[in-house]
Amino acid sequence: MTSGQAEAVFQTLLSTYGPQHWWPAETQFEVMVGAVLTQDAAWVNVERALAHLTQRVPLKARAILDLPVEDLAACLRPVGYFNVKAQRLRALCEALETAGGLATLERMETAALRHWLLAIHGVGPETADDILLYAFERPVFVVDAYTRRIFGRLGLLLADEGYEGIRHRFEATLGPEARCFNEYHALIVRHGKEICRPRPRCGDCCLRAVCPSAAA
């Protein structure tokens, strides 16, 4: 994938969908919580879980830790795997409290902050990069299933290419601009949800002219 190819896809998606203004959250911590809850869950269900949670306690790490785990799990029921996600969210909150809060994390270099996030139970590369990009505005590209599907069909990614390899390719191609990564990832998600589905709607696809996988 060349920089020209990546830019052409971005501009086509942007002209089709417009700016996405993603991630929908009021605080850094809300982004972090949402990144954990959205694992294998639709965003509408994340919003429901957040609404339940904020009806019980303020959306702060200490308040979540003070909530009995069974009550926390009940609040998270809309996102599925609610017992597992309750433990993962508590692990994130405990790590944040131990580190000294968001101000401490803000001072960390991106590589160190990513390492810190990946050491937390239940935080994998995609979740860590969601947090880095959207909560801390670091130039880290998020690779998700939509990215693999769309760019695989475009012939710009290999089917067996690993997460880190894809991430580094996008970052090297696009340059160190967090705002571009943010908008690009949001557009990929939009296109993957609406058009480039597991059963693609090729007839409605803005990328059809350059997609070798497009249905005739």
Protein backbone atom coordinates (compact mmCIF):
# COMPACT_ATOMS: atom_id res chain seq x y z
CA MET A 1 0.00 0.00 0.00
CA THR A 2 1.46 3.34 -1.06
CA SER A 3 0.77 6.71 0.49
CA GLY A 4 -1.14 7.64 -2.67
CA GLN A 5 -3.40 4.61 -2.39
CA ALA A 6 -4.07 5.23 1.30
CA GLU A 7 -4.81 8.91 0.63
CA ALA A 8 -7.15 8.08 -2.26
CA VAL A 9 -9.21 5.70 -0.12
CA PHE A 10 -9.35 8.26 2.68
CA GLN A 11 -10.51 11.08 0.42
CA THR A 12 -13.16 8.88 -1.22
CA LEU A 13 -14.57 7.82 2.16
CA LEU A 14 -14.44 11.37 3.50
CA SER A 15 -16.27 12.81 0.49
CA THR A 16 -18.90 10.07 0.79
CA TYR A 17 -19.58 10.18 4.53
CA GLY A 18 -18.17 13.48 5.75
CA PRO A 19 -16.37 14.01 9.09
CA GLN A 20 -17.41 11.45 11.71
CA HIS A 21 -16.57 13.32 14.95
CA TRP A 22 -15.62 10.08 16.65
CA TRP A 23 -15.14 9.06 19.60
CA PRO A 24 -18.45 10.13 21.23
CA ALA A 25 -17.37 10.86 24.81
CA GLU A 26 -17.13 13.83 27.13
CA THR A 27 -13.93 12.86 28.98
CA GLN A 28 -10.74 10.88 28.47
CA PHE A 29 -11.85 8.39 31.08
CA GLU A 30 -15.17 7.85 29.31
CA VAL A 31 -13.22 6.95 26.15
CA MET A 32 -11.18 4.45 28.15
CA VAL A 33 -14.27 2.85 29.65
CA GLY A 34 -15.99 2.73 26.26
CA ALA A 35 -12.95 1.08 24.67
CA VAL A 36 -13.20 -1.80 27.14
CA LEU A 37 -16.97 -2.14 26.85
CA THR A 38 -17.09 -2.06 23.05
CA GLN A 39 -15.10 -5.29 22.75
CA ASP A 40 -17.42 -7.62 20.77
CA ALA A 41 -20.33 -5.23 21.36
CA ALA A 42 -22.35 -2.77 19.27
CA TRP A 43 -21.89 0.86 20.25
CA VAL A 44 -25.60 1.33 20.96
CA ASN A 45 -25.23 -1.30 23.70
CA VAL A 46 -22.16 0.46 25.08
CA GLU A 47 -24.25 3.62 25.40
CA ARG A 48 -26.91 1.70 27.29
CA ALA A 49 -24.35 0.24 29.67
CA LEU A 50 -22.77 3.65 30.25
CA ALA A 51 -26.20 5.11 31.00
CA HIS A 52 -26.88 2.37 33.56
CA LEU A 53 -23.46 2.88 35.13
CA THR A 54 -23.70 6.65 35.41
CA GLN A 55 -27.11 6.31 37.06
CA ARG A 56 -25.38 4.42 39.86
CA VAL A 57 -22.04 6.21 40.28
CA PRO A 58 -20.01 9.07 38.82
CA LEU A 59 -17.90 7.94 35.87
CA LYS A 60 -14.64 7.94 37.79
CA ALA A 61 -12.19 5.15 38.50
CA ARG A 62 -12.50 5.30 42.29
CA ALA A 63 -16.31 5.32 42.16
CA ILE A 64 -16.35 2.25 39.87
CA LEU A 65 -13.95 0.41 42.17
CA ASP A 66 -16.15 1.20 45.18
CA LEU A 67 -19.19 -0.29 43.42
CA PRO A 68 -19.74 -3.98 44.33
CA VAL A 69 -18.59 -6.09 41.40
CA GLU A 70 -21.97 -7.78 41.04
CA ASP A 71 -23.64 -4.36 40.77
CA LEU A 72 -21.06 -3.26 38.22
CA ALA A 73 -21.71 -6.39 36.18
CA ALA A 74 -25.46 -5.74 36.28
CA CYS A 75 -24.89 -2.24 34.86
CA LEU A 76 -22.81 -3.72 32.04
CA ARG A 77 -25.33 -6.39 31.06
CA PRO A 78 -26.25 -4.68 27.71
CA VAL A 79 -22.71 -5.18 26.31
CA GLY A 80 -22.61 -8.94 26.83
CA TYR A 81 -19.93 -10.91 28.69
CA PHE A 82 -20.81 -8.53 31.50
CA ASN A 83 -19.06 -10.46 34.28
CA VAL A 84 -15.84 -10.59 32.25
CA LYS A 85 -16.08 -6.93 31.30
CA ALA A 86 -16.74 -5.93 34.90
CA GLN A 87 -13.42 -7.54 35.84
CA ARG A 88 -11.64 -5.91 32.90
CA LEU A 89 -13.04 -2.49 33.75
CA ARG A 90 -12.00 -2.90 37.38
CA ALA A 91 -8.51 -3.87 36.24
CA LEU A 92 -8.30 -0.70 34.16
CA CYS A 93 -9.52 1.43 37.06
CA GLU A 94 -7.09 -0.19 39.50
CA ALA A 95 -4.18 0.39 37.12
CA LEU A 96 -5.21 4.01 36.62
CA GLU A 97 -5.48 4.63 40.37
CA THR A 98 -2.12 2.96 41.02
CA ALA A 99 -0.45 5.01 38.28
CA GLY A 100 -1.63 8.26 39.84
CA GLY A 101 -4.39 9.22 37.42
CA LEU A 102 -4.68 10.60 33.92
CA ALA A 103 -2.16 13.39 34.48
CA THR A 104 0.56 10.79 35.00
CA LEU A 105 -0.41 8.97 31.82
CA GLU A 106 -0.42 12.21 29.81
CA ARG A 107 3.26 12.68 30.60
CA MET A 108 4.23 9.23 29.30
CA GLU A 109 5.72 8.78 25.85
CA THR A 110 3.46 6.91 23.44
CA ALA A 111 5.45 3.67 23.41
CA ALA A 112 5.61 3.57 27.19
CA LEU A 113 1.91 4.36 27.52
CA ARG A 114 1.03 1.61 25.05
CA HIS A 115 3.17 -0.85 27.03
CA TRP A 116 1.40 0.22 30.23
CA LEU A 117 -2.03 -0.31 28.68
CA LEU A 118 -1.15 -3.71 27.24
CA ALA A 119 -0.08 -4.89 30.71
CA ILE A 120 -3.64 -4.42 32.02
CA HIS A 121 -5.83 -7.52 32.16
CA GLY A 122 -8.27 -7.56 29.25
CA VAL A 123 -6.59 -4.79 27.24
CA GLY A 124 -5.34 -6.08 23.89
CA PRO A 125 -3.73 -4.16 21.03
CA GLU A 126 -6.97 -2.84 19.50
CA THR A 127 -8.33 -1.62 22.84
CA ALA A 128 -4.99 -0.06 23.77
CA ASP A 129 -4.78 1.74 20.44
CA ASP A 130 -8.38 2.97 20.73
CA ILE A 131 -7.41 4.55 24.04
CA LEU A 132 -4.14 5.97 22.71
CA LEU A 133 -5.76 7.52 19.65
CA TYR A 134 -9.06 8.77 21.01
CA ALA A 135 -8.34 9.48 24.68
CA PHE A 136 -4.74 10.71 24.41
CA GLU A 137 -4.63 11.85 20.76
CA ARG A 138 -1.49 9.87 20.02
CA PRO A 139 -0.64 9.04 16.37
CA VAL A 140 -1.44 5.32 16.62
CA PHE A 141 -3.54 3.62 13.97
CA VAL A 142 -6.29 1.30 15.19
CA VAL A 143 -6.59 -1.97 13.27
CA ASP A 144 -9.94 -3.70 13.54
CA ALA A 145 -11.98 -6.26 11.63
CA TYR A 146 -13.33 -3.55 9.33
CA THR A 147 -9.79 -2.49 8.38
CA ARG A 148 -8.80 -6.04 7.55
CA ARG A 149 -11.97 -6.67 5.54
CA ILE A 150 -11.98 -3.46 3.51
CA PHE A 151 -8.28 -3.26 2.73
CA GLY A 152 -8.07 -7.00 2.14
CA ARG A 153 -10.81 -6.74 -0.48
CA LEU A 154 -9.03 -3.76 -1.99
CA GLY A 155 -5.92 -5.92 -2.34
CA LEU A 156 -3.90 -3.61 -0.08
CA LEU A 157 -3.44 -6.04 2.83
CA LEU A 158 -2.40 -9.65 2.98
CA ALA A 159 -4.93 -12.07 4.47
CA ASP A 160 -2.51 -13.41 7.08
CA GLU A 161 -0.83 -10.13 8.01
CA GLY A 162 -0.57 -9.62 11.77
CA TYR A 163 -1.91 -6.71 13.80
CA GLU A 164 1.42 -5.00 14.41
CA GLY A 165 2.49 -5.31 10.81
CA ILE A 166 -0.72 -3.67 9.59
CA ARG A 167 -0.50 -0.92 12.20
CA HIS A 168 3.08 -0.06 11.29
CA ARG A 169 2.24 -0.03 7.57
CA PHE A 170 -0.58 2.47 8.07
CA GLU A 171 1.48 4.66 10.38
CA ALA A 172 4.45 4.69 8.00
CA THR A 173 2.19 5.42 5.03
CA LEU A 174 0.07 8.16 6.61
CA GLY A 175 2.68 9.96 8.71
CA PRO A 176 2.45 11.15 12.34
CA GLU A 177 -0.92 12.91 12.28
CA ALA A 178 -3.30 11.75 15.00
CA ARG A 179 -6.26 13.67 13.57
CA CYS A 180 -5.89 11.86 10.27
CA PHE A 181 -5.74 8.49 12.03
CA ASN A 182 -8.82 9.37 14.04
CA GLU A 183 -10.90 10.38 11.05
CA TYR A 184 -9.62 7.56 8.86
CA HIS A 185 -10.44 4.86 11.39
CA ALA A 186 -13.90 6.31 12.01
CA LEU A 187 -14.60 6.34 8.26
CA ILE A 188 -13.42 2.75 7.92
CA VAL A 189 -15.82 1.70 10.68
CA ARG A 190 -18.69 3.58 9.03
CA HIS A 191 -18.00 2.00 5.63
CA GLY A 192 -17.55 -1.45 7.11
CA LYS A 193 -20.83 -1.30 8.99
CA GLU A 194 -22.93 0.11 6.18
CA ILE A 195 -21.42 -1.16 2.91
CA CYS A 196 -18.41 -3.46 3.15
CA ARG A 197 -20.18 -6.03 5.29
CA PRO A 198 -19.38 -9.74 5.44
CA ARG A 199 -21.87 -9.91 2.56
CA PRO A 200 -20.86 -6.66 0.82
CA ARG A 201 -23.20 -4.18 -0.84
CA CYS A 202 -20.85 -3.64 -3.77
CA GLY A 203 -23.44 -1.85 -5.88
CA ASP A 204 -23.56 0.98 -3.33
CA CYS A 205 -19.81 1.12 -2.65
CA CYS A 206 -17.92 4.34 -3.28
CA LEU A 207 -14.72 2.28 -3.68
CA ARG A 208 -16.11 -0.12 -6.23
CA ALA A 209 -14.14 1.32 -9.15
CA VAL A 210 -10.82 0.49 -7.46
CA CYS A 211 -11.85 -2.73 -5.69
CA PRO A 212 -10.77 -5.98 -7.37
CA SER A 213 -13.18 -7.89 -5.12
CA ALA A 214 -16.27 -5.92 -6.16
CA ALA A 215 -19.10 -8.06 -7.46
CA ALA A 216 -19.71 -7.73 -11.18
